[in-house]
């Protein structure tokens, strides 16, 4: 690879004004969290504490998503453990079909409205065309797994 230009490099990391540059208009500035669907939140939290010595920064019920979540800080991001509030919820159906495990990857964005507009223009299949309120009071929206190699992606704009 020596002497070859990276074919995916299309723009510098910053523009002429020093602002973050992006080709698509969507600039995730961090991985906000990685969500893991679990049947028993208390057991999963205890397991993380036992294995990694970390405990949740917060735990909350998010009725609109049908989950109770625990946010475990890891560096500048989180592991989000999500337990369904019932078998008929999206996460409940996910666990029934696939079992416990990786549910989605969440990117932090500074402007979710611009991110959704840009993704739609680029041909992404959106689960949410408009942001909704998620845990931590964040504005969130999901991008369908068909868009990214079978992976559900969440966009998160923190308050």
N, C-alpha and C. Protein backbone atom coordinates (compact mmCIF):
# COMPACT_ATOMS: atom_id res chain seq x y z
N UNK A 1 0.82 -1.20 0.00
CA UNK A 1 0.00 0.00 0.00
C UNK A 1 0.86 1.25 0.00
N UNK A 2 2.14 1.09 0.16
CA UNK A 2 3.02 2.24 0.22
C UNK A 2 2.92 3.05 -1.06
N UNK A 3 2.73 4.34 -0.89
CA UNK A 3 2.67 5.22 -2.04
C UNK A 3 1.29 5.29 -2.68
N UNK A 4 0.34 4.51 -2.20
CA UNK A 4 -1.01 4.54 -2.76
C UNK A 4 -1.89 5.44 -1.92
N UNK A 5 -2.68 6.23 -2.58
CA UNK A 5 -3.61 7.12 -1.89
C UNK A 5 -4.84 6.34 -1.45
N UNK A 6 -5.31 6.60 -0.26
CA UNK A 6 -6.52 5.95 0.25
C UNK A 6 -7.69 6.36 -0.63
N UNK A 7 -8.33 5.39 -1.30
CA UNK A 7 -9.40 5.71 -2.23
C UNK A 7 -10.65 6.22 -1.54
N UNK A 8 -10.77 6.06 -0.23
CA UNK A 8 -11.95 6.55 0.48
C UNK A 8 -11.73 7.96 1.03
N UNK A 9 -10.51 8.43 0.99
CA UNK A 9 -10.22 9.78 1.51
C UNK A 9 -10.66 10.79 0.46
N UNK A 10 -11.73 11.54 0.78
CA UNK A 10 -12.26 12.50 -0.17
C UNK A 10 -12.11 13.94 0.30
N UNK A 11 -11.91 14.13 1.58
CA UNK A 11 -11.80 15.48 2.09
C UNK A 11 -10.90 15.48 3.31
N UNK A 12 -10.29 16.61 3.60
CA UNK A 12 -9.50 16.69 4.83
C UNK A 12 -10.41 16.62 6.03
N UNK A 13 -9.85 16.43 7.21
CA UNK A 13 -10.65 16.34 8.43
C UNK A 13 -11.31 17.66 8.80
N UNK A 14 -10.74 18.76 8.35
CA UNK A 14 -11.34 20.07 8.62
C UNK A 14 -11.37 20.87 7.34
N UNK A 15 -12.33 21.79 7.25
CA UNK A 15 -12.41 22.65 6.08
C UNK A 15 -11.53 23.89 6.28
N UNK A 16 -11.60 24.83 5.36
CA UNK A 16 -10.73 26.01 5.41
C UNK A 16 -10.96 26.85 6.65
N UNK A 17 -12.16 26.78 7.24
CA UNK A 17 -12.46 27.56 8.45
C UNK A 17 -12.08 26.82 9.71
N UNK A 18 -11.63 25.57 9.56
CA UNK A 18 -11.29 24.77 10.73
C UNK A 18 -12.46 23.96 11.26
N UNK A 19 -13.61 24.03 10.57
CA UNK A 19 -14.79 23.25 10.98
C UNK A 19 -14.67 21.83 10.46
N UNK A 20 -15.29 20.87 11.13
CA UNK A 20 -15.25 19.49 10.63
C UNK A 20 -15.81 19.42 9.21
N UNK A 21 -15.13 18.71 8.35
CA UNK A 21 -15.56 18.57 6.96
C UNK A 21 -16.16 17.19 6.76
N UNK A 22 -17.16 17.12 5.91
CA UNK A 22 -17.78 15.84 5.59
C UNK A 22 -18.30 15.88 4.17
N UNK A 23 -18.31 14.74 3.55
CA UNK A 23 -18.82 14.65 2.19
C UNK A 23 -20.33 14.55 2.21
N UNK A 24 -20.88 13.74 3.07
CA UNK A 24 -22.30 13.42 3.03
C UNK A 24 -23.18 14.39 3.80
N UNK A 25 -22.64 15.21 4.66
CA UNK A 25 -23.44 16.07 5.51
C UNK A 25 -23.69 15.42 6.87
N UNK A 26 -23.38 14.14 7.02
CA UNK A 26 -23.53 13.44 8.29
C UNK A 26 -22.14 13.28 8.87
N UNK A 27 -21.92 13.84 10.02
CA UNK A 27 -20.61 13.70 10.63
C UNK A 27 -20.77 13.18 12.04
N UNK A 28 -20.79 11.85 12.21
CA UNK A 28 -20.82 11.33 13.57
C UNK A 28 -19.52 11.74 14.26
N UNK A 29 -19.62 12.29 15.45
CA UNK A 29 -18.41 12.72 16.13
C UNK A 29 -17.95 11.74 17.19
N UNK A 30 -18.75 10.69 17.42
CA UNK A 30 -18.36 9.69 18.40
C UNK A 30 -19.28 8.49 18.27
N UNK A 31 -18.82 7.34 18.74
CA UNK A 31 -19.74 6.23 18.93
C UNK A 31 -20.39 6.50 20.28
N UNK A 32 -21.67 6.80 20.27
CA UNK A 32 -22.36 7.12 21.51
C UNK A 32 -22.48 5.86 22.37
N UNK A 33 -22.99 4.79 21.74
CA UNK A 33 -23.11 3.54 22.49
C UNK A 33 -23.25 2.34 21.57
N UNK A 34 -23.01 1.20 22.15
CA UNK A 34 -23.27 -0.09 21.52
C UNK A 34 -24.33 -0.74 22.39
N UNK A 35 -25.47 -1.11 21.78
CA UNK A 35 -26.58 -1.65 22.55
C UNK A 35 -26.59 -3.17 22.49
N UNK A 36 -26.76 -3.77 23.65
CA UNK A 36 -26.84 -5.22 23.77
C UNK A 36 -28.19 -5.56 24.39
N UNK A 37 -28.97 -6.35 23.66
CA UNK A 37 -30.28 -6.79 24.15
C UNK A 37 -30.08 -7.94 25.13
N UNK A 38 -30.73 -7.84 26.29
CA UNK A 38 -30.61 -8.86 27.33
C UNK A 38 -31.99 -9.21 27.87
N UNK A 39 -32.13 -10.42 28.37
CA UNK A 39 -33.39 -10.85 28.98
C UNK A 39 -33.54 -10.32 30.41
N UNK A 40 -32.41 -10.26 31.14
CA UNK A 40 -32.43 -9.89 32.55
C UNK A 40 -31.39 -8.79 32.77
N UNK A 41 -31.87 -7.56 32.88
CA UNK A 41 -30.97 -6.42 33.00
C UNK A 41 -30.12 -6.49 34.26
N UNK A 42 -30.73 -6.83 35.37
CA UNK A 42 -29.99 -6.89 36.64
C UNK A 42 -28.84 -7.88 36.55
N UNK A 43 -29.11 -9.05 35.98
CA UNK A 43 -28.07 -10.07 35.82
C UNK A 43 -26.96 -9.58 34.88
N UNK A 44 -27.34 -8.92 33.79
CA UNK A 44 -26.35 -8.43 32.83
C UNK A 44 -25.48 -7.33 33.44
N UNK A 45 -26.08 -6.45 34.22
CA UNK A 45 -25.32 -5.39 34.89
C UNK A 45 -24.33 -6.02 35.87
N UNK A 46 -24.81 -6.96 36.65
CA UNK A 46 -23.91 -7.64 37.61
C UNK A 46 -22.76 -8.32 36.89
N UNK A 47 -23.03 -8.93 35.76
CA UNK A 47 -21.99 -9.62 34.99
C UNK A 47 -20.94 -8.62 34.50
N UNK A 48 -21.38 -7.47 34.01
CA UNK A 48 -20.43 -6.44 33.57
C UNK A 48 -19.58 -5.94 34.74
N UNK A 49 -20.23 -5.76 35.88
CA UNK A 49 -19.49 -5.31 37.06
C UNK A 49 -18.45 -6.35 37.47
N UNK A 50 -18.84 -7.62 37.44
CA UNK A 50 -17.94 -8.71 37.82
C UNK A 50 -16.77 -8.84 36.83
N UNK A 51 -17.07 -8.80 35.56
CA UNK A 51 -16.03 -9.02 34.54
C UNK A 51 -15.14 -7.80 34.30
N UNK A 52 -15.76 -6.62 34.27
CA UNK A 52 -15.02 -5.43 33.83
C UNK A 52 -14.85 -4.37 34.90
N UNK A 53 -15.49 -4.55 36.04
CA UNK A 53 -15.35 -3.58 37.12
C UNK A 53 -16.03 -2.26 36.83
N UNK A 54 -17.05 -2.28 35.96
CA UNK A 54 -17.77 -1.05 35.63
C UNK A 54 -19.22 -1.18 36.05
N UNK A 55 -19.81 -0.06 36.42
CA UNK A 55 -21.21 -0.07 36.81
C UNK A 55 -21.95 1.03 36.05
N UNK A 56 -23.26 0.91 35.95
CA UNK A 56 -24.02 1.88 35.16
C UNK A 56 -23.93 3.29 35.70
N UNK A 57 -23.86 4.22 34.79
CA UNK A 57 -23.94 5.63 35.14
C UNK A 57 -25.41 6.00 35.36
N UNK A 58 -26.29 5.34 34.60
CA UNK A 58 -27.72 5.59 34.76
C UNK A 58 -28.50 4.35 34.35
N UNK A 59 -29.70 4.26 34.89
CA UNK A 59 -30.66 3.23 34.51
C UNK A 59 -32.00 3.93 34.40
N UNK A 60 -32.72 3.67 33.31
CA UNK A 60 -34.03 4.31 33.17
C UNK A 60 -34.95 3.49 32.29
N UNK A 61 -36.24 3.66 32.53
CA UNK A 61 -37.25 3.05 31.69
C UNK A 61 -37.54 4.03 30.56
N UNK A 62 -37.50 3.51 29.33
CA UNK A 62 -37.83 4.33 28.15
C UNK A 62 -39.08 3.70 27.55
N UNK A 63 -40.22 4.15 28.04
CA UNK A 63 -41.52 3.59 27.63
C UNK A 63 -41.71 3.63 26.12
N UNK A 64 -41.30 4.75 25.51
CA UNK A 64 -41.52 4.92 24.07
C UNK A 64 -40.80 3.86 23.24
N UNK A 65 -39.74 3.27 23.79
CA UNK A 65 -39.01 2.23 23.08
C UNK A 65 -39.28 0.84 23.66
N UNK A 66 -40.04 0.80 24.74
CA UNK A 66 -40.39 -0.47 25.34
C UNK A 66 -39.22 -1.18 26.00
N UNK A 67 -38.31 -0.40 26.60
CA UNK A 67 -37.13 -1.00 27.24
C UNK A 67 -36.83 -0.34 28.57
N UNK A 68 -36.07 -1.05 29.38
CA UNK A 68 -35.37 -0.45 30.51
C UNK A 68 -33.90 -0.56 30.12
N UNK A 69 -33.17 0.54 30.28
CA UNK A 69 -31.78 0.56 29.83
C UNK A 69 -30.83 0.91 30.96
N UNK A 70 -29.63 0.38 30.86
CA UNK A 70 -28.54 0.75 31.76
C UNK A 70 -27.40 1.22 30.88
N UNK A 71 -26.89 2.42 31.17
CA UNK A 71 -25.79 2.99 30.39
C UNK A 71 -24.49 2.83 31.20
N UNK A 72 -23.59 2.02 30.66
CA UNK A 72 -22.32 1.73 31.31
C UNK A 72 -21.22 2.48 30.58
N UNK A 73 -20.54 3.42 31.25
CA UNK A 73 -19.50 4.19 30.56
C UNK A 73 -18.26 3.35 30.27
N UNK A 74 -17.78 3.47 29.06
CA UNK A 74 -16.54 2.82 28.62
C UNK A 74 -15.77 3.89 27.83
N UNK A 75 -14.75 4.47 28.42
CA UNK A 75 -14.05 5.56 27.74
C UNK A 75 -15.00 6.70 27.49
N UNK A 76 -15.05 7.17 26.26
CA UNK A 76 -15.95 8.27 25.89
C UNK A 76 -17.28 7.79 25.35
N UNK A 77 -17.56 6.51 25.44
CA UNK A 77 -18.80 5.94 24.92
C UNK A 77 -19.47 5.11 26.00
N UNK A 78 -20.53 4.39 25.60
CA UNK A 78 -21.26 3.56 26.55
C UNK A 78 -21.55 2.19 25.96
N UNK A 79 -21.73 1.23 26.84
CA UNK A 79 -22.41 -0.01 26.50
C UNK A 79 -23.81 0.19 27.08
N UNK A 80 -24.81 0.05 26.23
CA UNK A 80 -26.20 0.19 26.65
C UNK A 80 -26.80 -1.21 26.73
N UNK A 81 -27.15 -1.62 27.93
CA UNK A 81 -27.83 -2.90 28.10
C UNK A 81 -29.32 -2.60 28.07
N UNK A 82 -30.06 -3.30 27.20
CA UNK A 82 -31.49 -3.03 27.06
C UNK A 82 -32.29 -4.31 27.29
N UNK A 83 -33.23 -4.21 28.21
CA UNK A 83 -34.14 -5.31 28.52
C UNK A 83 -35.53 -4.89 28.04
N UNK A 84 -36.21 -5.75 27.28
CA UNK A 84 -37.55 -5.39 26.82
C UNK A 84 -38.53 -5.33 27.98
N UNK A 85 -39.51 -4.43 27.87
CA UNK A 85 -40.57 -4.35 28.87
C UNK A 85 -41.62 -5.42 28.65
N UNK A 86 -41.57 -6.07 27.49
CA UNK A 86 -42.50 -7.15 27.20
C UNK A 86 -42.12 -7.83 25.91
N UNK A 87 -42.69 -9.01 25.64
CA UNK A 87 -42.33 -9.77 24.44
C UNK A 87 -42.83 -9.14 23.15
N UNK A 88 -43.81 -8.23 23.22
CA UNK A 88 -44.36 -7.61 22.02
C UNK A 88 -43.61 -6.36 21.59
N UNK A 89 -42.63 -5.93 22.36
CA UNK A 89 -41.84 -4.75 22.01
C UNK A 89 -40.81 -5.12 20.94
N UNK A 90 -40.26 -4.13 20.23
CA UNK A 90 -39.23 -4.44 19.24
C UNK A 90 -38.06 -5.24 19.80
N UNK A 91 -37.57 -4.87 20.98
CA UNK A 91 -36.44 -5.61 21.56
C UNK A 91 -36.89 -6.99 22.04
N UNK A 92 -38.12 -7.09 22.53
CA UNK A 92 -38.66 -8.39 22.91
C UNK A 92 -38.73 -9.33 21.70
N UNK A 93 -39.22 -8.81 20.57
CA UNK A 93 -39.27 -9.63 19.35
C UNK A 93 -37.87 -9.97 18.85
N UNK A 94 -36.93 -9.03 18.98
CA UNK A 94 -35.55 -9.27 18.58
C UNK A 94 -34.97 -10.45 19.36
N UNK A 95 -35.14 -10.44 20.68
CA UNK A 95 -34.61 -11.52 21.52
C UNK A 95 -35.28 -12.85 21.18
N UNK A 96 -36.58 -12.81 20.92
CA UNK A 96 -37.30 -14.05 20.56
C UNK A 96 -36.75 -14.65 19.27
N UNK A 97 -36.47 -13.80 18.27
CA UNK A 97 -35.97 -14.27 16.97
C UNK A 97 -34.50 -14.64 17.00
N UNK A 98 -33.68 -13.81 17.65
CA UNK A 98 -32.22 -13.94 17.54
C UNK A 98 -31.52 -14.28 18.83
N UNK A 99 -32.19 -14.14 19.95
CA UNK A 99 -31.54 -14.34 21.23
C UNK A 99 -30.88 -13.06 21.71
N UNK A 100 -30.25 -13.13 22.85
CA UNK A 100 -29.55 -11.96 23.40
C UNK A 100 -28.34 -11.64 22.52
N UNK A 101 -27.95 -10.38 22.55
CA UNK A 101 -26.74 -10.01 21.83
C UNK A 101 -26.80 -8.60 21.27
N UNK A 102 -25.85 -8.32 20.38
CA UNK A 102 -25.72 -6.99 19.79
C UNK A 102 -27.01 -6.59 19.10
N UNK A 103 -27.56 -5.46 19.49
CA UNK A 103 -28.81 -4.98 18.92
C UNK A 103 -28.58 -3.84 17.93
N UNK A 104 -27.80 -2.84 18.32
CA UNK A 104 -27.54 -1.73 17.40
C UNK A 104 -26.28 -0.96 17.80
N UNK A 105 -25.83 -0.14 16.87
CA UNK A 105 -24.69 0.75 17.04
C UNK A 105 -25.22 2.16 16.95
N UNK A 106 -24.84 3.02 17.88
CA UNK A 106 -25.35 4.39 17.91
C UNK A 106 -24.23 5.41 17.72
N UNK A 107 -24.45 6.31 16.76
CA UNK A 107 -23.51 7.39 16.48
C UNK A 107 -24.04 8.69 17.06
N UNK A 108 -23.19 9.44 17.73
CA UNK A 108 -23.53 10.78 18.20
C UNK A 108 -23.38 11.75 17.02
N UNK A 109 -24.41 12.57 16.81
CA UNK A 109 -24.38 13.58 15.75
C UNK A 109 -24.75 14.92 16.38
N UNK A 110 -24.25 15.99 15.81
CA UNK A 110 -24.53 17.30 16.38
C UNK A 110 -25.87 17.86 15.92
N UNK A 111 -26.35 17.45 14.74
CA UNK A 111 -27.64 17.92 14.22
C UNK A 111 -28.36 16.76 13.57
N UNK A 112 -29.27 16.15 14.30
CA UNK A 112 -29.95 14.95 13.82
C UNK A 112 -30.86 15.24 12.62
N UNK A 113 -31.44 16.44 12.58
CA UNK A 113 -32.29 16.78 11.44
C UNK A 113 -31.48 16.80 10.14
N UNK A 114 -30.32 17.45 10.19
CA UNK A 114 -29.43 17.48 9.02
C UNK A 114 -28.95 16.08 8.66
N UNK A 115 -28.63 15.28 9.68
CA UNK A 115 -28.15 13.92 9.44
C UNK A 115 -29.22 13.08 8.75
N UNK A 116 -30.46 13.16 9.21
CA UNK A 116 -31.54 12.40 8.59
C UNK A 116 -31.79 12.86 7.15
N UNK A 117 -31.77 14.15 6.93
CA UNK A 117 -31.97 14.70 5.58
C UNK A 117 -30.88 14.21 4.64
N UNK A 118 -29.65 14.29 5.10
CA UNK A 118 -28.51 13.87 4.29
C UNK A 118 -28.55 12.37 3.99
N UNK A 119 -28.87 11.57 4.99
CA UNK A 119 -28.95 10.13 4.78
C UNK A 119 -30.06 9.77 3.80
N UNK A 120 -31.22 10.42 3.93
CA UNK A 120 -32.32 10.15 3.00
C UNK A 120 -31.91 10.51 1.57
N UNK A 121 -31.25 11.65 1.41
CA UNK A 121 -30.79 12.07 0.07
C UNK A 121 -29.77 11.09 -0.50
N UNK A 122 -28.99 10.44 0.36
CA UNK A 122 -27.98 9.49 -0.08
C UNK A 122 -28.58 8.09 -0.31
N UNK A 123 -29.89 7.94 -0.06
CA UNK A 123 -30.54 6.67 -0.33
C UNK A 123 -30.68 5.73 0.86
N UNK A 124 -30.38 6.19 2.06
CA UNK A 124 -30.53 5.35 3.24
C UNK A 124 -32.00 5.06 3.50
N UNK A 125 -32.28 3.88 4.01
CA UNK A 125 -33.64 3.52 4.41
C UNK A 125 -33.78 3.91 5.88
N UNK A 126 -34.67 4.83 6.16
CA UNK A 126 -34.83 5.33 7.52
C UNK A 126 -35.99 4.62 8.22
N UNK A 127 -35.77 4.20 9.44
CA UNK A 127 -36.85 3.69 10.29
C UNK A 127 -37.64 4.90 10.78
N UNK A 128 -36.93 5.95 11.16
CA UNK A 128 -37.54 7.19 11.66
C UNK A 128 -37.20 8.33 10.72
N UNK A 129 -38.21 8.92 10.12
CA UNK A 129 -37.98 10.09 9.27
C UNK A 129 -37.89 11.36 10.09
N UNK A 130 -38.44 11.31 11.29
CA UNK A 130 -38.39 12.42 12.24
C UNK A 130 -37.80 11.90 13.55
N UNK A 131 -36.99 12.72 14.21
CA UNK A 131 -36.42 12.29 15.50
C UNK A 131 -37.51 12.11 16.55
N UNK A 132 -37.22 11.26 17.53
CA UNK A 132 -38.09 11.06 18.68
C UNK A 132 -37.23 11.16 19.94
N UNK A 133 -37.84 11.17 21.08
CA UNK A 133 -37.10 11.28 22.34
C UNK A 133 -36.72 9.89 22.83
N UNK A 134 -35.46 9.73 23.18
CA UNK A 134 -34.95 8.47 23.72
C UNK A 134 -34.43 8.67 25.13
N UNK A 135 -33.64 7.71 25.58
CA UNK A 135 -33.03 7.80 26.89
C UNK A 135 -32.12 9.02 27.00
N UNK A 136 -31.91 9.46 28.21
CA UNK A 136 -31.09 10.62 28.54
C UNK A 136 -31.66 11.91 27.95
N UNK A 137 -32.92 11.89 27.50
CA UNK A 137 -33.54 13.07 26.90
C UNK A 137 -32.99 13.39 25.52
N UNK A 138 -32.28 12.46 24.93
CA UNK A 138 -31.67 12.68 23.61
C UNK A 138 -32.71 12.60 22.51
N UNK A 139 -32.45 13.29 21.42
CA UNK A 139 -33.23 13.12 20.19
C UNK A 139 -32.58 11.99 19.42
N UNK A 140 -33.38 11.01 19.03
CA UNK A 140 -32.83 9.83 18.37
C UNK A 140 -33.61 9.49 17.12
N UNK A 141 -32.99 8.70 16.25
CA UNK A 141 -33.65 8.17 15.07
C UNK A 141 -32.85 6.94 14.63
N UNK A 142 -33.56 5.99 14.04
CA UNK A 142 -32.92 4.75 13.60
C UNK A 142 -32.84 4.67 12.08
N UNK A 143 -31.77 4.06 11.61
CA UNK A 143 -31.54 3.81 10.19
C UNK A 143 -31.66 2.30 10.01
N UNK A 144 -32.44 1.89 9.02
CA UNK A 144 -32.76 0.48 8.82
C UNK A 144 -31.50 -0.36 8.55
N UNK A 145 -31.46 -1.59 9.06
CA UNK A 145 -30.30 -2.47 8.85
C UNK A 145 -29.96 -2.72 7.37
N UNK A 146 -30.96 -2.62 6.47
CA UNK A 146 -30.66 -2.79 5.04
C UNK A 146 -29.65 -1.77 4.54
N UNK A 147 -29.57 -0.65 5.22
CA UNK A 147 -28.68 0.42 4.79
C UNK A 147 -27.22 0.12 5.08
N UNK A 148 -26.94 -0.62 6.16
CA UNK A 148 -25.56 -0.81 6.58
C UNK A 148 -25.28 -2.26 6.95
N UNK A 149 -25.18 -3.11 5.95
CA UNK A 149 -24.71 -4.50 6.13
C UNK A 149 -25.44 -5.25 7.24
N UNK A 150 -26.75 -5.02 7.34
CA UNK A 150 -27.53 -5.76 8.34
C UNK A 150 -27.43 -5.23 9.75
N UNK A 151 -26.85 -4.04 9.94
CA UNK A 151 -26.68 -3.48 11.27
C UNK A 151 -27.65 -2.31 11.48
N UNK A 152 -28.46 -2.40 12.53
CA UNK A 152 -29.33 -1.29 12.90
C UNK A 152 -28.45 -0.18 13.46
N UNK A 153 -28.63 1.04 12.94
CA UNK A 153 -27.85 2.19 13.39
C UNK A 153 -28.79 3.20 14.01
N UNK A 154 -28.39 3.73 15.14
CA UNK A 154 -29.14 4.79 15.81
C UNK A 154 -28.33 6.08 15.73
N UNK A 155 -29.00 7.17 15.45
CA UNK A 155 -28.38 8.49 15.52
C UNK A 155 -28.83 9.12 16.83
N UNK A 156 -27.91 9.77 17.53
CA UNK A 156 -28.21 10.34 18.85
C UNK A 156 -27.73 11.79 18.88
N UNK A 157 -28.66 12.70 19.16
CA UNK A 157 -28.31 14.11 19.39
C UNK A 157 -28.59 14.38 20.86
N UNK A 158 -27.53 14.54 21.62
CA UNK A 158 -27.67 14.77 23.06
C UNK A 158 -28.17 16.19 23.34
N UNK A 159 -28.93 16.35 24.43
CA UNK A 159 -29.44 17.71 24.76
C UNK A 159 -28.32 18.64 25.14
